Every structure is written in structure tokens, then in C-alpha cells.
Amino acid sequence: MFQSILFLMFFHFSYEYIKYDTGLFLGFDYESASFNCQNGFSKTSVIQFSGTFENIPQVFIYIEKIDWSQAQLEFSLSITTITTISFTITTSCANNRIYRNQIRWFALDDRRIEVLNNFNMVNPDDKTFSIQNPNASYGFMTITSIHYAGPIDFTLTMNSITPNSATIGITKIAGKFSNLKQIGYQVVVGVEEAFINLGLKSPTGAFSSDILPIQQNRWFFIPLQGLNYNNNNNIRIRAILTTTQSTIQYTYGTWDQSETPNRHSQIWVAYQFTNSYKALECFSIRTSRKHLPNLSIVPPIYFELVSLNAIYTSSGNYNYIVNKSIMPLYMIIQSTCPNGKKIQADFNKCNSCSVQKSYSFTFNCFSQMNYIGFFPKFKQAFQQYNQLKINLQSSSLEIIQVLYDQKITEQIIVKVQIVDQ
């Protein structure tokens, strides 16, 4: 019995979750598997991670080797399920044959990167996506599926990105765009540190990249973003990577017949990060107490984000994203203090401290001092957008900051309560 307990304790403390993983999937290649993708064929595969993630990771892909028949060609591809140990990918082909889709996949348990899926979009057009992380202000696209009925010429572009949305555009060449019947892609957005984007490449023939220095703790990612295809031969593209201890280089093009002009990007994607996103810290606070002859003419609690024209006096739940240029952040909080009550207030002061993490105040209320004011100033280590959830009630104010770091967490930075003495 004692040995069993020791084993369970050892297993619990020695078990480590993985944070990131990558691999090459060959199950959608006719040379590597039973894959005859045409005329309604479909296949579903489960891809196992090399270990177990603590949280469900985000998965994104690029197609490293392509062999697609001439029009009319249609295939769909979707990542349908992601768990902590695997993900499921499904493809189907409606008519002419898909010979190869070799898929390079990446899985990451970190919320500084966000993956937005737009699988198998029929009648392609520009599209706007909602973004969770307000600091995810950079990104790229990677094509995952297509349906064409003749010559095509298009490019996916990042038209705009804001703290809460990203708009993806698609070029529309007259006489060719109508041949593009479906396009699937993923949008990968992230914080500034997430990507080193070396730019869009538009080869019309055989392409060899420059010799690139390897970036530590980053994956090299080559997303296809567009094609200029005349429908004379199969679309054949493969990436062949050559690496040394300090450099990487790749060729990108066909192995048979003519090249397919394409547009692709060179991107280094971080799987480990230096900057950690922490809650706002109160570095200065002033308080005031005074007498108001008539408390009924003021709201029970008044809250203002100074210089932002954001004032809250009615009970409710609100969300506000503070622009990264606003620093330090000034607040005004004023509360009635009815006779027989007291005000308790806490302001987050130190994220890294084990004790004395907050400025804490308690004020007993009496008739001559029945209105309390707090005037805190907040700062943080580097510029970032700050997402605040404001819960204002007649006897309390709670301000919670939503943080997108390795995990999504919520931290109370302000709490004010009117309670009984």
C-alpha cells in the first residue's frame, strides 16, 4: 500500500505537459497511404501529439507538397476536433483527383497566438473575424482547401487588424475570379513577439530562398497565400528545406512539368515567448473624504476612466479595451458612504509579490464624512491593450482584467464595496 502511494505521488510530480508540437502528416498522399481522392472520396485521420497538452492547443497547418489535377477540381479540408492528445482532420474530393496534400502541422498551448478557421468557404469573398486577444495585432493566412473551375489568379491579404477584429481580403481578377468557387484558409494572429514576417514572395518559376539565419524558439512556416494558375497542367508545388545548425534555406516549386506561379510568405512563428502579459499595477493612489448634504442626488458609486470619456454610474456589466497608448491609466472612483456602513477597497499593487499585493483601505462612514474618493494610477511593464470587465452595482465596483498570456486568466485589479460596519 505504501509503495502504491509513493508511485502515485511520483507520477503526479514527474508528469510534464507539452507546450508545443509539430509534425508532417502524409496520410493525404497517394504514395504514402491508401488515398484515391476523387469522385466523392473522403477520409478522416486522427493525428496524435507527441505528448499530452495541459489545455486544448491551437492547431494550424500549411500544405508542404501539393499535386492537384486540372479543373474542374474541388477538395475540402477541415480540422474537426482538437483534444489534449490529438486532432482530427477530414478531407473530401468531389471530382478530379487530388494526388498529394502533405501537411505540416503545428500545435501550441499559448494564448498569445490565436487561430481563426475559415474552412471551405463557398463563394469566396472578403471576411471579417472577431479576435479575442486585443494585443493580437499581427497575423498571416494559410490556404487549406480550394475549388476551381478554370484559370485562377488571387491572393489572400490582411486588409486590416484591430484590437477586436481582422479583415481578410481576396483579390478579384476579372475573368478569373469567377472560376474560384471555394477557398479554405486559417488566419493566425498574435502579439508583436509572435511572428517575424520576412514578406510575401511571388515566384513565377523555380524559387530558391535566401540562406536564412535560424531564429531560436521559433518554427519556420511557409504559408501559401495565392495562385496564378492557367489550368494547363496539374498544380505542383513542394517545399524542400535544407538546414544547418545555424541556417535554413528552401526551394519552392514543381518536380514535373511547368511551375505554378504562386504567392507564399516566409514567417518565423514563436513557440516560446519572452514577454509575459501581466495585470495593471497601481503605483500611486490618493484618497479623499468629504460631506455631501444630500446623497440622493449622486449615484451610489461613480467610476471614470480619465481622459477616455468613459463614465459609469448605472448598475451593469461593461467591457472596455484601453488603448495601449494610454499609460499611465488614471481612474476616479467616488462612493457614497451612508451612516452605519463602511467602505472596503483594494487596488492591485504588485503582481510578483507574495504578500502586500494590494493597497487596501477601510473607511467607516458617518454623517460628517459620507462621500469617499479614490484616485489611483496604474502602469505596466510595456505597452499593451488592456481588456477590462467592469461590474458596477449599487453597493460594489469590481474591475477585472482579462489577460492573454500562456493561458487566459482574469485578475481583479480594483474592488470597492459598501458593507455593514
Protein backbone atom coordinates (compact mmCIF):
# COMPACT_ATOMS: atom_id res chain seq x y z
CA MET A 1 0.00 0.00 0.00
CA PHE A 2 2.79 2.41 0.98
CA GLN A 3 4.66 1.64 -2.28
CA SER A 4 1.49 2.34 -4.30
CA ILE A 5 1.09 5.75 -2.63
CA LEU A 6 4.75 6.58 -3.35
CA PHE A 7 4.27 5.59 -7.02
CA LEU A 8 1.18 7.78 -7.38
CA MET A 9 2.98 10.74 -5.78
CA PHE A 10 5.99 10.27 -8.06
CA PHE A 11 3.78 10.00 -11.15
CA HIS A 12 1.89 13.18 -10.21
CA PHE A 13 5.01 15.28 -9.63
CA SER A 14 7.08 13.91 -12.50
CA TYR A 15 4.42 14.18 -15.22
CA GLU A 16 5.08 17.08 -17.58
CA TYR A 17 2.71 18.52 -20.13
CA ILE A 18 3.98 19.57 -23.54
CA LYS A 19 3.53 23.21 -24.59
CA TYR A 20 4.12 22.84 -28.33
CA ASP A 21 4.44 20.16 -31.00
CA THR A 22 4.85 19.80 -34.77
CA GLY A 23 4.94 17.12 -37.42
CA LEU A 24 4.46 16.16 -41.07
CA PHE A 25 1.26 14.27 -41.96
CA LEU A 26 1.44 12.06 -45.08
CA GLY A 27 -1.97 10.43 -44.86
CA PHE A 28 -3.36 12.54 -47.70
CA ASP A 29 -0.68 11.49 -50.19
CA TYR A 30 -1.32 8.65 -52.64
CA GLU A 31 2.29 7.37 -52.34
CA SER A 32 2.17 7.09 -48.56
CA ALA A 33 -1.34 5.85 -47.86
CA SER A 34 -4.47 4.41 -49.43
CA PHE A 35 -5.54 7.76 -50.79
CA ASN A 36 -7.53 7.92 -54.02
CA CYS A 37 -9.15 11.30 -53.53
CA GLN A 38 -11.61 11.86 -56.38
CA ASN A 39 -15.30 11.49 -57.28
CA GLY A 40 -16.70 11.82 -53.78
CA PHE A 41 -13.89 10.08 -51.87
CA SER A 42 -13.41 11.24 -48.25
CA LYS A 43 -11.02 10.36 -45.49
CA THR A 44 -10.72 11.22 -41.81
CA SER A 45 -7.49 10.82 -39.84
CA VAL A 46 -6.57 11.27 -36.20
CA ILE A 47 -3.11 12.76 -35.66
CA GLN A 48 -1.56 12.06 -32.27
CA PHE A 49 0.59 14.60 -30.47
CA SER A 50 3.97 13.52 -29.11
CA GLY A 51 2.69 14.02 -25.57
CA THR A 52 -0.25 15.48 -23.64
CA PHE A 53 -1.09 19.17 -23.51
CA GLU A 54 -2.47 20.64 -20.30
CA ASN A 55 -5.04 22.63 -22.29
CA ILE A 56 -6.52 22.08 -25.75
CA PRO A 57 -3.91 23.61 -28.07
CA GLN A 58 -4.41 25.67 -31.18
CA VAL A 59 -3.53 23.85 -34.40
CA PHE A 60 -2.53 25.44 -37.69
CA ILE A 61 -1.09 23.99 -40.89
CA TYR A 62 0.45 24.62 -44.25
CA ILE A 63 0.49 22.23 -47.23
CA GLU A 64 4.14 21.41 -47.86
CA LYS A 65 3.67 19.31 -51.00
CA ILE A 66 0.79 19.82 -53.47
CA ASP A 67 -0.30 17.83 -56.52
CA TRP A 68 -3.75 18.89 -57.73
CA SER A 69 -5.40 17.97 -61.05
CA GLN A 70 -6.59 20.41 -63.68
CA ALA A 71 -10.07 21.90 -63.41
CA GLN A 72 -12.59 21.08 -62.53
CA LEU A 73 -11.07 20.30 -59.13
CA GLU A 74 -12.68 20.53 -55.71
CA PHE A 75 -11.48 19.37 -52.34
CA SER A 76 -12.45 20.35 -48.82
CA LEU A 77 -10.34 20.05 -45.67
CA SER A 78 -11.24 20.72 -42.06
CA ILE A 79 -9.76 20.26 -38.62
CA THR A 80 -12.88 18.96 -36.91
CA THR A 81 -11.77 18.11 -33.37
CA ILE A 82 -8.83 19.06 -31.16
CA THR A 83 -8.14 17.41 -27.79
CA THR A 84 -5.15 17.47 -25.45
CA ILE A 85 -3.70 14.34 -27.10
CA SER A 86 -4.68 14.56 -30.79
CA PHE A 87 -6.55 16.36 -33.52
CA THR A 88 -8.85 15.07 -36.26
CA ILE A 89 -8.56 16.19 -39.87
CA THR A 90 -11.02 15.40 -42.67
CA THR A 91 -10.79 15.83 -46.43
CA SER A 92 -13.02 15.00 -49.41
CA CYS A 93 -12.72 15.32 -53.18
CA ALA A 94 -15.73 15.99 -55.41
CA ASN A 95 -14.41 15.32 -58.93
CA ASN A 96 -10.87 15.34 -60.37
CA ARG A 97 -8.09 13.81 -58.35
CA ILE A 98 -6.02 15.21 -55.52
CA TYR A 99 -2.77 13.26 -55.61
CA ARG A 100 -0.93 14.92 -52.75
CA ASN A 101 -1.57 17.15 -49.79
CA GLN A 102 1.37 16.69 -47.44
CA ILE A 103 0.52 18.69 -44.36
CA ARG A 104 2.99 20.30 -41.99
CA TRP A 105 1.12 20.88 -38.71
CA PHE A 106 1.84 22.90 -35.58
CA ALA A 107 0.16 22.76 -32.17
CA LEU A 108 0.66 25.40 -29.49
CA ASP A 109 -0.76 25.83 -26.00
CA ASP A 110 -0.35 29.60 -25.71
CA ARG A 111 -2.98 32.33 -25.93
CA ARG A 112 -0.60 34.95 -27.27
CA ILE A 113 -1.39 33.31 -30.62
CA GLU A 114 -4.96 32.80 -31.86
CA VAL A 115 -6.09 30.66 -34.81
CA LEU A 116 -9.21 31.68 -36.77
CA ASN A 117 -10.57 28.99 -39.09
CA ASN A 118 -12.40 29.63 -42.34
CA PHE A 119 -12.53 26.14 -43.80
CA ASN A 120 -14.15 25.52 -47.20
CA MET A 121 -15.66 28.96 -47.89
CA VAL A 122 -18.07 28.68 -50.83
CA ASN A 123 -18.39 31.84 -52.99
CA PRO A 124 -15.15 33.37 -51.70
CA ASP A 125 -15.21 36.99 -50.60
CA ASP A 126 -13.65 39.32 -48.04
CA LYS A 127 -14.40 38.31 -44.47
CA THR A 128 -14.07 39.89 -41.02
CA PHE A 129 -13.22 37.73 -38.00
CA SER A 130 -13.62 38.53 -34.32
CA ILE A 131 -10.42 38.41 -32.25
CA GLN A 132 -10.34 37.55 -28.56
CA ASN A 133 -6.90 38.90 -27.69
CA PRO A 134 -6.77 42.69 -28.14
CA ASN A 135 -2.97 42.53 -28.37
CA ALA A 136 -3.04 40.12 -31.31
CA SER A 137 -2.29 42.86 -33.83
CA TYR A 138 -0.18 40.88 -36.34
CA GLY A 139 -1.02 37.89 -38.49
CA PHE A 140 -0.96 35.86 -41.68
CA MET A 141 -3.13 33.46 -43.71
CA THR A 142 -2.53 29.89 -44.88
CA ILE A 143 -4.62 28.17 -47.58
CA THR A 144 -6.12 24.81 -46.63
CA SER A 145 -8.52 23.91 -49.49
CA ILE A 146 -9.77 25.04 -52.90
CA HIS A 147 -12.31 24.53 -55.70
CA TYR A 148 -11.51 25.92 -59.16
CA ALA A 149 -13.29 25.51 -62.47
CA GLY A 150 -10.70 27.10 -64.78
CA PRO A 151 -7.76 29.55 -64.67
CA ILE A 152 -7.43 31.43 -61.36
CA ASP A 153 -5.39 34.36 -60.11
CA PHE A 154 -5.87 35.51 -56.50
CA THR A 155 -4.08 36.43 -53.28
CA LEU A 156 -5.31 36.45 -49.69
CA THR A 157 -4.39 39.69 -47.91
CA MET A 158 -4.67 41.07 -44.39
CA ASN A 159 -6.73 44.19 -45.13
CA SER A 160 -6.93 45.38 -41.54
CA ILE A 161 -6.45 44.24 -37.97
CA THR A 162 -7.78 45.97 -34.85
CA PRO A 163 -7.93 45.04 -31.15
CA ASN A 164 -11.14 43.07 -31.77
CA SER A 165 -11.23 42.06 -35.44
CA ALA A 166 -9.25 41.10 -38.54
CA THR A 167 -10.45 41.55 -42.11
CA ILE A 168 -9.10 39.25 -44.81
CA GLY A 169 -9.37 40.31 -48.42
CA ILE A 170 -9.10 38.31 -51.63
CA THR A 171 -8.05 39.85 -54.94
CA LYS A 172 -10.65 39.59 -57.67
CA ILE A 173 -9.19 39.46 -61.19
CA ALA A 174 -11.83 39.92 -63.88
CA GLY A 175 -12.38 36.79 -65.96
CA LYS A 176 -10.63 34.55 -63.41
CA PHE A 177 -12.20 35.20 -60.04
CA SER A 178 -15.46 33.60 -61.14
CA ASN A 179 -13.52 30.33 -61.58
CA LEU A 180 -12.65 30.27 -57.87
CA LYS A 181 -15.65 28.53 -56.35
CA GLN A 182 -14.35 27.76 -52.86
CA ILE A 183 -11.33 28.61 -50.74
CA GLY A 184 -10.43 27.43 -47.25
CA TYR A 185 -7.83 29.03 -45.04
CA GLN A 186 -6.71 29.71 -41.50
CA VAL A 187 -5.85 33.12 -40.10
CA VAL A 188 -3.13 33.07 -37.43
CA VAL A 189 -2.92 36.24 -35.35
CA GLY A 190 -0.68 37.04 -32.43
CA VAL A 191 1.15 39.58 -30.32
CA GLU A 192 4.08 41.50 -31.76
CA GLU A 193 6.61 38.96 -30.48
CA ALA A 194 4.74 36.06 -32.10
CA PHE A 195 5.92 36.48 -35.71
CA ILE A 196 8.91 37.55 -37.73
CA ASN A 197 7.42 38.05 -41.19
CA LEU A 198 10.03 38.14 -43.95
CA GLY A 199 7.46 39.15 -46.52
CA LEU A 200 5.41 37.81 -49.41
CA LYS A 201 7.21 36.01 -52.24
CA SER A 202 5.65 35.82 -55.73
CA PRO A 203 7.72 33.39 -57.82
CA THR A 204 6.71 32.70 -61.41
CA GLY A 205 9.34 29.99 -61.86
CA ALA A 206 11.58 27.80 -59.74
CA PHE A 207 12.25 29.56 -56.43
CA SER A 208 15.16 29.27 -54.01
CA SER A 209 15.11 31.30 -50.84
CA ASP A 210 17.99 33.23 -49.36
CA ILE A 211 20.03 31.46 -46.71
CA LEU A 212 18.19 32.49 -43.55
CA PRO A 213 19.57 32.53 -40.01
CA ILE A 214 17.63 30.19 -37.72
CA GLN A 215 15.57 32.04 -35.11
CA GLN A 216 15.69 30.46 -31.67
CA ASN A 217 12.46 29.05 -30.22
CA ARG A 218 10.58 29.62 -33.48
CA TRP A 219 9.14 27.45 -36.23
CA PHE A 220 9.74 28.26 -39.90
CA PHE A 221 6.37 28.50 -41.63
CA ILE A 222 5.72 28.80 -45.41
CA PRO A 223 2.02 29.52 -45.92
CA LEU A 224 0.55 29.51 -49.42
CA GLN A 225 -1.49 32.71 -49.89
CA GLY A 226 -2.32 32.78 -53.58
CA LEU A 227 -2.02 31.22 -57.04
CA ASN A 228 -1.78 32.36 -60.66
CA TYR A 229 -2.79 29.18 -62.46
CA ASN A 230 -3.52 28.80 -66.19
CA ASN A 231 -5.16 25.34 -65.95
CA ASN A 232 -2.74 23.74 -68.44
CA ASN A 233 -1.09 21.23 -66.09
CA ASN A 234 -1.50 19.98 -62.55
CA ILE A 235 -0.72 22.40 -59.74
CA ARG A 236 2.52 21.00 -58.34
CA ILE A 237 4.37 22.74 -55.51
CA ARG A 238 6.70 21.28 -52.91
CA ALA A 239 8.89 22.85 -50.30
CA ILE A 240 12.29 21.24 -49.74
CA LEU A 241 14.07 22.58 -46.67
CA THR A 242 17.83 22.38 -46.10
CA THR A 243 19.03 23.16 -42.60
CA THR A 244 22.35 23.51 -40.82
CA GLN A 245 22.96 24.21 -37.17
CA SER A 246 22.53 27.94 -37.77
CA THR A 247 20.73 28.42 -41.12
CA ILE A 248 17.77 27.30 -43.18
CA GLN A 249 17.10 27.51 -46.92
CA TYR A 250 14.32 26.11 -49.06
CA THR A 251 13.28 25.59 -52.67
CA TYR A 252 9.64 26.05 -53.59
CA GLY A 253 8.32 24.77 -56.90
CA THR A 254 7.44 21.85 -59.13
CA TRP A 255 9.14 18.49 -59.70
CA ASP A 256 7.45 17.82 -63.04
CA GLN A 257 6.16 19.88 -65.98
CA SER A 258 5.83 23.67 -65.62
CA GLU A 259 5.93 25.79 -62.48
CA THR A 260 2.73 27.15 -60.95
CA PRO A 261 3.17 30.87 -60.18
CA ASN A 262 2.26 31.37 -56.54
CA ARG A 263 2.37 33.72 -53.59
CA HIS A 264 3.71 32.48 -50.29
CA SER A 265 5.20 34.02 -47.16
CA GLN A 266 8.24 33.30 -45.01
CA ILE A 267 7.36 33.52 -41.33
CA TRP A 268 9.10 32.61 -38.10
CA VAL A 269 6.43 31.67 -35.53
CA ALA A 270 7.32 31.75 -31.83
CA TYR A 271 6.55 28.72 -29.70
CA GLN A 272 8.27 30.21 -26.64
CA PHE A 273 7.84 33.82 -25.55
CA THR A 274 9.85 36.40 -23.63
CA ASN A 275 7.15 38.96 -22.83
CA SER A 276 4.56 37.92 -20.27
CA TYR A 277 1.29 39.81 -20.09
CA LYS A 278 0.51 40.84 -16.50
CA ALA A 279 -2.23 42.86 -14.86
CA LEU A 280 -2.11 46.60 -14.38
CA GLU A 281 -0.38 47.64 -11.16
CA CYS A 282 -1.41 50.61 -9.03
CA PHE A 283 1.71 52.66 -8.36
CA SER A 284 0.06 55.74 -6.84
CA ILE A 285 -3.25 56.43 -5.14
CA ARG A 286 -4.84 59.43 -3.47
CA THR A 287 -7.97 59.31 -1.32
CA SER A 288 -10.43 61.94 -0.20
CA ARG A 289 -13.32 62.19 2.26
CA LYS A 290 -15.96 64.87 2.40
CA HIS A 291 -19.52 65.67 3.39
CA LEU A 292 -22.40 65.87 0.93
CA PRO A 293 -25.64 67.34 2.27
CA ASN A 294 -27.81 65.15 0.04
CA LEU A 295 -26.54 61.72 -1.07
CA SER A 296 -29.67 61.08 -3.13
CA ILE A 297 -28.52 63.42 -5.90
CA VAL A 298 -25.36 61.40 -6.69
CA PRO A 299 -25.02 57.79 -7.88
CA PRO A 300 -24.08 55.29 -5.17
CA ILE A 301 -20.78 54.64 -6.98
CA TYR A 302 -19.20 56.74 -9.75
CA PHE A 303 -16.44 55.31 -11.92
CA GLU A 304 -14.42 57.14 -14.59
CA LEU A 305 -11.53 56.21 -16.85
CA VAL A 306 -9.92 59.61 -17.01
CA SER A 307 -9.19 61.09 -20.49
CA LEU A 308 -11.14 58.27 -22.18
CA ASN A 309 -14.61 59.80 -21.85
CA ALA A 310 -15.70 56.58 -20.16
CA ILE A 311 -18.00 57.22 -17.19
CA TYR A 312 -20.12 54.59 -15.44
CA THR A 313 -22.85 55.36 -12.91
CA SER A 314 -25.58 52.78 -13.61
CA SER A 315 -25.55 49.19 -12.40
CA GLY A 316 -24.45 46.71 -15.03
CA ASN A 317 -21.63 44.71 -16.58
CA TYR A 318 -19.42 46.50 -19.09
CA ASN A 319 -16.38 45.75 -21.22
CA TYR A 320 -13.74 48.28 -22.19
CA ILE A 321 -10.47 47.93 -24.08
CA VAL A 322 -7.98 50.59 -23.04
CA ASN A 323 -5.74 51.69 -25.90
CA LYS A 324 -2.09 50.78 -25.44
CA SER A 325 -1.10 54.46 -25.82
CA ILE A 326 -2.92 55.31 -22.55
CA MET A 327 -0.27 54.93 -19.90
CA PRO A 328 -0.33 55.58 -17.04
CA LEU A 329 -4.04 54.86 -16.66
CA TYR A 330 -5.90 57.24 -14.33
CA MET A 331 -9.16 56.31 -12.62
CA ILE A 332 -11.65 58.18 -10.47
CA ILE A 333 -13.89 56.21 -8.10
CA GLN A 334 -16.31 58.01 -5.82
CA SER A 335 -18.65 56.23 -3.46
CA THR A 336 -21.41 57.27 -1.12
CA CYS A 337 -20.72 56.26 2.47
CA PRO A 338 -24.07 56.05 4.29
CA ASN A 339 -24.16 56.31 8.05
CA GLY A 340 -23.60 52.93 9.68
CA LYS A 341 -21.76 51.49 6.68
CA LYS A 342 -18.09 51.23 5.80
CA ILE A 343 -16.08 51.26 2.56
CA GLN A 344 -13.60 48.50 1.83
CA ALA A 345 -11.32 48.97 -1.18
CA ASP A 346 -8.43 47.01 -2.71
CA PHE A 347 -6.18 48.02 -5.64
CA ASN A 348 -3.73 45.62 -7.27
CA LYS A 349 -0.24 46.87 -6.44
CA CYS A 350 2.29 44.11 -7.14
CA ASN A 351 1.85 41.07 -9.37
CA SER A 352 5.09 39.43 -8.30
CA CYS A 353 4.75 39.96 -4.55
CA SER A 354 3.80 37.08 -2.26
CA VAL A 355 2.49 39.46 0.41
CA GLN A 356 1.19 43.03 0.34
CA LYS A 357 -0.05 42.55 -3.20
CA SER A 358 -2.67 45.31 -2.87
CA TYR A 359 -3.30 48.76 -1.50
CA SER A 360 -6.14 48.11 0.97
CA PHE A 361 -8.40 50.69 2.62
CA THR A 362 -11.26 50.63 5.11
CA PHE A 363 -13.26 53.77 5.90
CA ASN A 364 -16.06 53.84 8.47
CA CYS A 365 -18.97 56.03 7.38
CA PHE A 366 -20.61 58.72 9.48
CA SER A 367 -22.75 61.72 8.68
CA GLN A 368 -19.93 64.28 8.51
CA MET A 369 -17.82 62.15 6.12
CA ASN A 370 -20.26 60.45 3.79
CA TYR A 371 -18.52 60.60 0.39
CA ILE A 372 -15.24 58.78 -0.32
CA GLY A 373 -12.99 59.26 -3.34
CA PHE A 374 -10.17 57.09 -4.73
CA PHE A 375 -7.80 58.38 -7.41
CA PRO A 376 -5.47 55.54 -8.46
CA LYS A 377 -2.85 55.49 -11.23
CA PHE A 378 -1.89 52.24 -12.96
CA LYS A 379 1.10 51.16 -15.02
CA GLN A 380 2.66 48.03 -16.57
CA ALA A 381 5.98 46.80 -17.91
CA PHE A 382 5.38 47.51 -21.61
CA GLN A 383 2.73 48.98 -23.89
CA GLN A 384 -0.32 46.76 -24.39
CA TYR A 385 -4.05 46.93 -24.83
CA ASN A 386 -5.89 46.27 -21.57
CA GLN A 387 -9.24 44.48 -21.60
CA LEU A 388 -11.34 45.39 -18.57
CA LYS A 389 -14.57 43.82 -17.33
CA ILE A 390 -16.43 46.33 -15.17
CA ASN A 391 -19.08 45.07 -12.77
CA LEU A 392 -20.88 48.03 -11.19
CA GLN A 393 -23.66 47.51 -8.65
CA SER A 394 -25.34 49.84 -6.14
CA SER A 395 -23.00 48.72 -3.36
CA SER A 396 -19.90 47.48 -5.18
CA LEU A 397 -17.48 48.02 -8.03
CA GLU A 398 -15.24 45.26 -9.37
CA ILE A 399 -12.79 45.74 -12.24
CA ILE A 400 -11.34 42.56 -13.70
CA GLN A 401 -8.55 42.48 -16.26
CA VAL A 402 -8.62 39.68 -18.84
CA LEU A 403 -5.09 38.52 -19.64
CA TYR A 404 -3.98 36.54 -22.71
CA ASP A 405 -0.65 35.00 -21.84
CA GLN A 406 0.25 31.32 -21.90
CA LYS A 407 -3.26 30.87 -20.52
CA ILE A 408 -6.32 33.12 -20.44
CA THR A 409 -6.72 34.37 -16.88
CA GLU A 410 -8.76 37.01 -15.11
CA GLN A 411 -7.41 39.15 -12.29
CA ILE A 412 -9.22 41.64 -10.07
CA ILE A 413 -7.38 44.97 -10.12
CA VAL A 414 -10.00 47.09 -8.29
CA LYS A 415 -12.61 46.10 -5.73
CA VAL A 416 -14.72 48.59 -3.79
CA GLN A 417 -17.58 47.56 -1.51
CA ILE A 418 -20.12 49.31 0.69
CA VAL A 419 -20.72 46.94 3.62
CA ASP A 420 -22.14 46.99 7.15
CA GLN A 421 -19.86 48.11 9.96
